[in-house]
Amino acid sequence: MDEAREYWIIGRALYEAVAHLERLSEERRPESDIEDMRELLAERYAGVWDVLVAGEAYRPAPKPVVKLVPKATPPEDDTTA
């Protein structure tokens, strides 16, 4: 693997890791790790960061971490509604 490919792979891995970790609940989110990864991206992999952020508009939305359940409706014969 050449250096350019290595640069791209590591930068993208950091970018994807940050995106994934930011979607975790507050209790599980490793804030200091996320901050360190962002710092690495900004200082060492800025070119990769710029390309990936620019392409973000064309990326499909991530799968939700938590499934939303539709609001339940009471049965028709329920007189308390």
PDB file of N, CA and C in Angstrom:
ATOM      1  N   MET A   1       0.860  -1.174   0.000  1.00  0.00           N
ATOM      2  CA  MET A   1       0.000   0.000   0.000  1.00  0.00           C
ATOM      3  C   MET A   1       0.902   1.232   0.000  1.00  0.00           C
ATOM      4  N   ASP A   2       0.580   2.188  -0.840  1.00  0.00           N
ATOM      5  CA  ASP A   2       1.399   3.396  -0.868  1.00  0.00           C
ATOM      6  C   ASP A   2       0.967   4.379   0.221  1.00  0.00           C
ATOM      7  N   GLU A   3       1.771   5.414   0.445  1.00  0.00           N
ATOM      8  CA  GLU A   3       1.516   6.366   1.539  1.00  0.00           C
ATOM      9  C   GLU A   3       0.216   7.130   1.363  1.00  0.00           C
ATOM     10  N   ALA A   4      -0.129   7.463   0.131  1.00  0.00           N
ATOM     11  CA  ALA A   4      -1.370   8.211  -0.102  1.00  0.00           C
ATOM     12  C   ALA A   4      -2.586   7.372   0.293  1.00  0.00           C
ATOM     13  N   ARG A   5      -2.540   6.102  -0.050  1.00  0.00           N
ATOM     14  CA  ARG A   5      -3.650   5.211   0.302  1.00  0.00           C
ATOM     15  C   ARG A   5      -3.742   5.033   1.806  1.00  0.00           C
ATOM     16  N   GLU A   6      -2.606   4.877   2.457  1.00  0.00           N
ATOM     17  CA  GLU A   6      -2.572   4.745   3.918  1.00  0.00           C
ATOM     18  C   GLU A   6      -3.149   5.996   4.581  1.00  0.00           C
ATOM     19  N   TYR A   7      -2.749   7.163   4.089  1.00  0.00           N
ATOM     20  CA  TYR A   7      -3.254   8.444   4.598  1.00  0.00           C
ATOM     21  C   TYR A   7      -4.776   8.489   4.484  1.00  0.00           C
ATOM     22  N   TRP A   8      -5.291   8.114   3.311  1.00  0.00           N
ATOM     23  CA  TRP A   8      -6.735   8.144   3.078  1.00  0.00           C
ATOM     24  C   TRP A   8      -7.475   7.175   4.004  1.00  0.00           C
ATOM     25  N   ILE A   9      -6.977   5.941   4.124  1.00  0.00           N
ATOM     26  CA  ILE A   9      -7.645   4.920   4.932  1.00  0.00           C
ATOM     27  C   ILE A   9      -7.682   5.320   6.406  1.00  0.00           C
ATOM     28  N   ILE A  10      -6.581   5.794   6.937  1.00  0.00           N
ATOM     29  CA  ILE A  10      -6.546   6.182   8.356  1.00  0.00           C
ATOM     30  C   ILE A  10      -7.434   7.398   8.597  1.00  0.00           C
ATOM     31  N   GLY A  11      -7.378   8.377   7.716  1.00  0.00           N
ATOM     32  CA  GLY A  11      -8.231   9.565   7.856  1.00  0.00           C
ATOM     33  C   GLY A  11      -9.699   9.219   7.794  1.00  0.00           C
ATOM     34  N   ARG A  12     -10.058   8.359   6.865  1.00  0.00           N
ATOM     35  CA  ARG A  12     -11.468   7.968   6.744  1.00  0.00           C
ATOM     36  C   ARG A  12     -11.907   7.151   7.949  1.00  0.00           C
ATOM     37  N   ALA A  13     -11.051   6.277   8.447  1.00  0.00           N
ATOM     38  CA  ALA A  13     -11.395   5.486   9.631  1.00  0.00           C
ATOM     39  C   ALA A  13     -11.659   6.398  10.827  1.00  0.00           C
ATOM     40  N   LEU A  14     -10.836   7.404  11.001  1.00  0.00           N
ATOM     41  CA  LEU A  14     -11.060   8.367  12.091  1.00  0.00           C
ATOM     42  C   LEU A  14     -12.385   9.098  11.903  1.00  0.00           C
ATOM     43  N   TYR A  15     -12.644   9.538  10.689  1.00  0.00           N
ATOM     44  CA  TYR A  15     -13.876  10.260  10.381  1.00  0.00           C
ATOM     45  C   TYR A  15     -15.107   9.400  10.691  1.00  0.00           C
ATOM     46  N   GLU A  16     -15.085   8.144  10.230  1.00  0.00           N
ATOM     47  CA  GLU A  16     -16.209   7.233  10.464  1.00  0.00           C
ATOM     48  C   GLU A  16     -16.359   6.914  11.949  1.00  0.00           C
ATOM     49  N   ALA A  17     -15.245   6.766  12.647  1.00  0.00           N
ATOM     50  CA  ALA A  17     -15.293   6.481  14.085  1.00  0.00           C
ATOM     51  C   ALA A  17     -15.947   7.635  14.837  1.00  0.00           C
ATOM     52  N   VAL A  18     -15.570   8.860  14.492  1.00  0.00           N
ATOM     53  CA  VAL A  18     -16.176  10.032  15.143  1.00  0.00           C
ATOM     54  C   VAL A  18     -17.677  10.060  14.862  1.00  0.00           C
ATOM     55  N   ALA A  19     -18.052   9.834  13.618  1.00  0.00           N
ATOM     56  CA  ALA A  19     -19.476   9.852  13.260  1.00  0.00           C
ATOM     57  C   ALA A  19     -20.251   8.802  14.055  1.00  0.00           C
ATOM     58  N   HIS A  20     -19.679   7.627  14.204  1.00  0.00           N
ATOM     59  CA  HIS A  20     -20.349   6.559  14.952  1.00  0.00           C
ATOM     60  C   HIS A  20     -20.418   6.887  16.447  1.00  0.00           C
ATOM     61  N   LEU A  21     -19.301   7.296  17.023  1.00  0.00           N
ATOM     62  CA  LEU A  21     -19.257   7.560  18.465  1.00  0.00           C
ATOM     63  C   LEU A  21     -20.158   8.720  18.866  1.00  0.00           C
ATOM     64  N   GLU A  22     -20.319   9.703  18.000  1.00  0.00           N
ATOM     65  CA  GLU A  22     -21.187  10.841  18.313  1.00  0.00           C
ATOM     66  C   GLU A  22     -22.650  10.437  18.396  1.00  0.00           C
ATOM     67  N   ARG A  23     -23.012   9.309  17.809  1.00  0.00           N
ATOM     68  CA  ARG A  23     -24.400   8.860  17.838  1.00  0.00           C
ATOM     69  C   ARG A  23     -24.727   8.041  19.075  1.00  0.00           C
ATOM     70  N   LEU A  24     -23.742   7.729  19.886  1.00  0.00           N
ATOM     71  CA  LEU A  24     -23.992   6.972  21.112  1.00  0.00           C
ATOM     72  C   LEU A  24     -24.678   7.851  22.152  1.00  0.00           C
ATOM     73  N   SER A  25     -25.348   7.213  23.089  1.00  0.00           N
ATOM     74  CA  SER A  25     -25.983   7.961  24.173  1.00  0.00           C
ATOM     75  C   SER A  25     -24.902   8.654  25.001  1.00  0.00           C
ATOM     76  N   GLU A  26     -25.288   9.688  25.713  1.00  0.00           N
ATOM     77  CA  GLU A  26     -24.317  10.462  26.498  1.00  0.00           C
ATOM     78  C   GLU A  26     -23.542   9.598  27.480  1.00  0.00           C
ATOM     79  N   GLU A  27     -24.210   8.607  28.063  1.00  0.00           N
ATOM     80  CA  GLU A  27     -23.548   7.756  29.053  1.00  0.00           C
ATOM     81  C   GLU A  27     -22.453   6.899  28.419  1.00  0.00           C
ATOM     82  N   ARG A  28     -22.613   6.545  27.166  1.00  0.00           N
ATOM     83  CA  ARG A  28     -21.666   5.652  26.496  1.00  0.00           C
ATOM     84  C   ARG A  28     -20.677   6.391  25.607  1.00  0.00           C
ATOM     85  N   ARG A  29     -20.888   7.679  25.368  1.00  0.00           N
ATOM     86  CA  ARG A  29     -20.068   8.446  24.431  1.00  0.00           C
ATOM     87  C   ARG A  29     -18.719   8.812  25.058  1.00  0.00           C
ATOM     88  N   PRO A  30     -17.605   8.375  24.451  1.00  0.00           N
ATOM     89  CA  PRO A  30     -16.273   8.706  24.972  1.00  0.00           C
ATOM     90  C   PRO A  30     -15.818  10.076  24.461  1.00  0.00           C
ATOM     91  N   GLU A  31     -16.225  11.127  25.154  1.00  0.00           N
ATOM     92  CA  GLU A  31     -15.977  12.491  24.690  1.00  0.00           C
ATOM     93  C   GLU A  31     -14.494  12.787  24.450  1.00  0.00           C
ATOM     94  N   SER A  32     -13.624  12.349  25.368  1.00  0.00           N
ATOM     95  CA  SER A  32     -12.200  12.667  25.200  1.00  0.00           C
ATOM     96  C   SER A  32     -11.627  11.955  23.973  1.00  0.00           C
ATOM     97  N   ASP A  33     -12.067  10.736  23.696  1.00  0.00           N
ATOM     98  CA  ASP A  33     -11.616  10.038  22.491  1.00  0.00           C
ATOM     99  C   ASP A  33     -12.083  10.767  21.236  1.00  0.00           C
ATOM    100  N   ILE A  34     -13.330  11.211  21.241  1.00  0.00           N
ATOM    101  CA  ILE A  34     -13.877  11.934  20.099  1.00  0.00           C
ATOM    102  C   ILE A  34     -13.081  13.217  19.872  1.00  0.00           C
ATOM    103  N   GLU A  35     -12.795  13.934  20.945  1.00  0.00           N
ATOM    104  CA  GLU A  35     -12.010  15.173  20.824  1.00  0.00           C
ATOM    105  C   GLU A  35     -10.628  14.894  20.259  1.00  0.00           C
ATOM    106  N   ASP A  36      -9.976  13.826  20.731  1.00  0.00           N
ATOM    107  CA  ASP A  36      -8.646  13.478  20.233  1.00  0.00           C
ATOM    108  C   ASP A  36      -8.692  13.080  18.758  1.00  0.00           C
ATOM    109  N   MET A  37      -9.713  12.334  18.375  1.00  0.00           N
ATOM    110  CA  MET A  37      -9.852  11.939  16.967  1.00  0.00           C
ATOM    111  C   MET A  37     -10.075  13.159  16.081  1.00  0.00           C
ATOM    112  N   ARG A  38     -10.900  14.085  16.553  1.00  0.00           N
ATOM    113  CA  ARG A  38     -11.126  15.317  15.783  1.00  0.00           C
ATOM    114  C   ARG A  38      -9.836  16.126  15.639  1.00  0.00           C
ATOM    115  N   GLU A  39      -9.053  16.166  16.705  1.00  0.00           N
ATOM    116  CA  GLU A  39      -7.777  16.877  16.656  1.00  0.00           C
ATOM    117  C   GLU A  39      -6.839  16.232  15.632  1.00  0.00           C
ATOM    118  N   LEU A  40      -6.763  14.904  15.643  1.00  0.00           N
ATOM    119  CA  LEU A  40      -5.942  14.199  14.648  1.00  0.00           C
ATOM    120  C   LEU A  40      -6.422  14.504  13.232  1.00  0.00           C
ATOM    121  N   LEU A  41      -7.729  14.470  13.035  1.00  0.00           N
ATOM    122  CA  LEU A  41      -8.274  14.780  11.712  1.00  0.00           C
ATOM    123  C   LEU A  41      -7.906  16.195  11.282  1.00  0.00           C
ATOM    124  N   ALA A  42      -8.053  17.145  12.184  1.00  0.00           N
ATOM    125  CA  ALA A  42      -7.793  18.547  11.852  1.00  0.00           C
ATOM    126  C   ALA A  42      -6.309  18.813  11.592  1.00  0.00           C
ATOM    127  N   GLU A  43      -5.437  18.155  12.354  1.00  0.00           N
ATOM    128  CA  GLU A  43      -4.020  18.447  12.247  1.00  0.00           C
ATOM    129  C   GLU A  43      -3.282  17.579  11.232  1.00  0.00           C
ATOM    130  N   ARG A  44      -3.618  16.297  11.169  1.00  0.00           N
ATOM    131  CA  ARG A  44      -2.843  15.385  10.318  1.00  0.00           C
ATOM    132  C   ARG A  44      -3.588  14.907   9.074  1.00  0.00           C
ATOM    133  N   TYR A  45      -4.913  14.947   9.129  1.00  0.00           N
ATOM    134  CA  TYR A  45      -5.704  14.407   8.018  1.00  0.00           C
ATOM    135  C   TYR A  45      -6.724  15.422   7.525  1.00  0.00           C
ATOM    136  N   ALA A  46      -6.327  16.686   7.491  1.00  0.00           N
ATOM    137  CA  ALA A  46      -7.246  17.761   7.098  1.00  0.00           C
ATOM    138  C   ALA A  46      -7.749  17.569   5.669  1.00  0.00           C
ATOM    139  N   GLY A  47      -6.905  17.084   4.778  1.00  0.00           N
ATOM    140  CA  GLY A  47      -7.327  16.863   3.396  1.00  0.00           C
ATOM    141  C   GLY A  47      -8.429  15.827   3.302  1.00  0.00           C
ATOM    142  N   VAL A  48      -8.301  14.761   4.049  1.00  0.00           N
ATOM    143  CA  VAL A  48      -9.332  13.717   4.060  1.00  0.00           C
ATOM    144  C   VAL A  48     -10.613  14.280   4.662  1.00  0.00           C
ATOM    145  N   TRP A  49     -10.474  14.991   5.769  1.00  0.00           N
ATOM    146  CA  TRP A  49     -11.623  15.616   6.435  1.00  0.00           C
ATOM    147  C   TRP A  49     -12.397  16.487   5.453  1.00  0.00           C
ATOM    148  N   ASP A  50     -11.686  17.347   4.720  1.00  0.00           N
ATOM    149  CA  ASP A  50     -12.341  18.255   3.776  1.00  0.00           C
ATOM    150  C   ASP A  50     -13.113  17.499   2.697  1.00  0.00           C
ATOM    151  N   VAL A  51     -12.514  16.454   2.148  1.00  0.00           N
ATOM    152  CA  VAL A  51     -13.171  15.675   1.098  1.00  0.00           C
ATOM    153  C   VAL A  51     -14.419  14.980   1.637  1.00  0.00           C
ATOM    154  N   LEU A  52     -14.306  14.376   2.808  1.00  0.00           N
ATOM    155  CA  LEU A  52     -15.442  13.640   3.372  1.00  0.00           C
ATOM    156  C   LEU A  52     -16.573  14.565   3.799  1.00  0.00           C
ATOM    157  N   VAL A  53     -16.248  15.705   4.369  1.00  0.00           N
ATOM    158  CA  VAL A  53     -17.291  16.665   4.761  1.00  0.00           C
ATOM    159  C   VAL A  53     -17.995  17.203   3.520  1.00  0.00           C
ATOM    160  N   ALA A  54     -17.247  17.485   2.464  1.00  0.00           N
ATOM    161  CA  ALA A  54     -17.851  17.980   1.224  1.00  0.00           C
ATOM    162  C   ALA A  54     -18.792  16.941   0.627  1.00  0.00           C
ATOM    163  N   GLY A  55     -18.453  15.673   0.744  1.00  0.00           N
ATOM    164  CA  GLY A  55     -19.293  14.613   0.199  1.00  0.00           C
ATOM    165  C   GLY A  55     -20.449  14.221   1.092  1.00  0.00           C
ATOM    166  N   GLU A  56     -20.480  14.752   2.287  1.00  0.00           N
ATOM    167  CA  GLU A  56     -21.530  14.399   3.261  1.00  0.00           C
ATOM    168  C   GLU A  56     -22.930  14.710   2.736  1.00  0.00           C
ATOM    169  N   ALA A  57     -23.066  15.740   1.924  1.00  0.00           N
ATOM    170  CA  ALA A  57     -24.379  16.113   1.397  1.00  0.00           C
ATOM    171  C   ALA A  57     -24.957  15.001   0.518  1.00  0.00           C
ATOM    172  N   TYR A  58     -24.108  14.156  -0.039  1.00  0.00           N
ATOM    173  CA  TYR A  58     -24.564  13.095  -0.927  1.00  0.00           C
ATOM    174  C   TYR A  58     -24.658  11.740  -0.235  1.00  0.00           C
ATOM    175  N   ARG A  59     -24.378  11.725   1.035  1.00  0.00           N
ATOM    176  CA  ARG A  59     -24.360  10.472   1.786  1.00  0.00           C
ATOM    177  C   ARG A  59     -25.748  10.183   2.347  1.00  0.00           C
ATOM    178  N   PRO A  60     -26.188   8.927   2.314  1.00  0.00           N
ATOM    179  CA  PRO A  60     -27.491   8.616   2.914  1.00  0.00           C
ATOM    180  C   PRO A  60     -27.447   8.803   4.423  1.00  0.00           C
ATOM    181  N   ALA A  61     -28.584   9.083   4.997  1.00  0.00           N
ATOM    182  CA  ALA A  61     -28.671   9.284   6.447  1.00  0.00           C
ATOM    183  C   ALA A  61     -28.271   8.006   7.173  1.00  0.00           C
ATOM    184  N   PRO A  62     -27.586   8.141   8.312  1.00  0.00           N
ATOM    185  CA  PRO A  62     -27.188   6.940   9.062  1.00  0.00           C
ATOM    186  C   PRO A  62     -28.398   6.248   9.662  1.00  0.00           C
ATOM    187  N   LYS A  63     -28.257   4.953   9.912  1.00  0.00           N
ATOM    188  CA  LYS A  63     -29.328   4.211  10.565  1.00  0.00           C
ATOM    189  C   LYS A  63     -29.469   4.725  11.990  1.00  0.00           C
ATOM    190  N   PRO A  64     -30.693   4.868  12.473  1.00  0.00           N
ATOM    191  CA  PRO A  64     -30.867   5.364  13.841  1.00  0.00           C
ATOM    192  C   PRO A  64     -30.325   4.373  14.866  1.00  0.00           C
ATOM    193  N   VAL A  65     -29.833   4.907  15.960  1.00  0.00           N
ATOM    194  CA  VAL A  65     -29.326   4.063  17.033  1.00  0.00           C
ATOM    195  C   VAL A  65     -30.493   3.463  17.804  1.00  0.00           C
ATOM    196  N   VAL A  66     -31.557   4.228  17.947  1.00  0.00           N
ATOM    197  CA  VAL A  66     -32.738   3.787  18.684  1.00  0.00           C
ATOM    198  C   VAL A  66     -33.911   3.770  17.718  1.00  0.00           C
ATOM    199  N   LYS A  67     -34.686   2.693  17.753  1.00  0.00           N
ATOM    200  CA  LYS A  67     -35.872   2.642  16.913  1.00  0.00           C
ATOM    201  C   LYS A  67     -36.981   3.443  17.573  1.00  0.00           C
ATOM    202  N   LEU A  68     -37.654   4.242  16.769  1.00  0.00           N
ATOM    203  CA  LEU A  68     -38.795   4.998  17.266  1.00  0.00           C
ATOM    204  C   LEU A  68     -40.049   4.152  17.075  1.00  0.00           C
ATOM    205  N   VAL A  69     -40.885   4.136  18.078  1.00  0.00           N
ATOM    206  CA  VAL A  69     -42.119   3.350  18.037  1.00  0.00           C
ATOM    207  C   VAL A  69     -43.266   4.316  17.812  1.00  0.00           C
ATOM    208  N   PRO A  70     -44.153   4.004  16.844  1.00  0.00           N
ATOM    209  CA  PRO A  70     -45.275   4.920  16.619  1.00  0.00           C
ATOM    210  C   PRO A  70     -46.175   4.993  17.851  1.00  0.00           C
ATOM    211  N   LYS A  71     -46.772   6.142  18.023  1.00  0.00           N
ATOM    212  CA  LYS A  71     -47.657   6.361  19.158  1.00  0.00           C
ATOM    213  C   LYS A  71     -48.837   5.400  19.081  1.00  0.00           C
ATOM    214  N   ALA A  72     -49.104   4.736  20.183  1.00  0.00           N
ATOM    215  CA  ALA A  72     -50.198   3.769  20.241  1.00  0.00           C
ATOM    216  C   ALA A  72     -51.528   4.512  20.286  1.00  0.00           C
ATOM    217  N   THR A  73     -52.504   3.961  19.584  1.00  0.00           N
ATOM    218  CA  THR A  73     -53.843   4.556  19.619  1.00  0.00           C
ATOM    219  C   THR A  73     -54.738   3.625  20.427  1.00  0.00           C
ATOM    220  N   PRO A  74     -55.615   4.191  21.245  1.00  0.00           N
ATOM    221  CA  PRO A  74     -56.488   3.350  22.056  1.00  0.00           C
ATOM    222  C   PRO A  74     -57.492   2.614  21.167  1.00  0.00           C
ATOM    223  N   PRO A  75     -57.946   1.462  21.631  1.00  0.00           N
ATOM    224  CA  PRO A  75     -58.976   0.746  20.858  1.00  0.00           C
ATOM    225  C   PRO A  75     -60.228   1.611  20.717  1.00  0.00           C
ATOM    226  N   GLU A  76     -61.002   1.333  19.688  1.00  0.00           N
ATOM    227  CA  GLU A  76     -62.201   2.135  19.426  1.00  0.00           C
ATOM    228  C   GLU A  76     -63.217   2.047  20.549  1.00  0.00           C
ATOM    229  N   ASP A  77     -63.260   0.941  21.260  1.00  0.00           N
ATOM    230  CA  ASP A  77     -64.252   0.788  22.327  1.00  0.00           C
ATOM    231  C   ASP A  77     -63.761   1.360  23.665  1.00  0.00           C
ATOM    232  N   ASP A  78     -62.610   1.985  23.696  1.00  0.00           N
ATOM    233  CA  ASP A  78     -62.058   2.583  24.910  1.00  0.00           C
ATOM    234  C   ASP A  78     -62.792   3.893  25.193  1.00  0.00           C
ATOM    235  N   THR A  79     -63.464   3.983  26.316  1.00  0.00           N
ATOM    236  CA  THR A  79     -64.238   5.182  26.664  1.00  0.00           C
ATOM    237  C   THR A  79     -63.432   6.199  27.434  1.00  0.00           C
ATOM    238  N   THR A  80     -62.165   5.903  27.779  1.00  0.00           N
ATOM    239  CA  THR A  80     -61.365   6.841  28.554  1.00  0.00           C
ATOM    240  C   THR A  80     -60.668   7.859  27.676  1.00  0.00           C
ATOM    241  N   ALA A  81     -60.703   7.708  26.377  1.00  0.00           N
ATOM    242  CA  ALA A  81     -59.980   8.598  25.478  1.00  0.00           C
ATOM    243  C   ALA A  81     -60.688   9.885  25.234  1.00  0.00           C
TER     244      ALA A  81
END
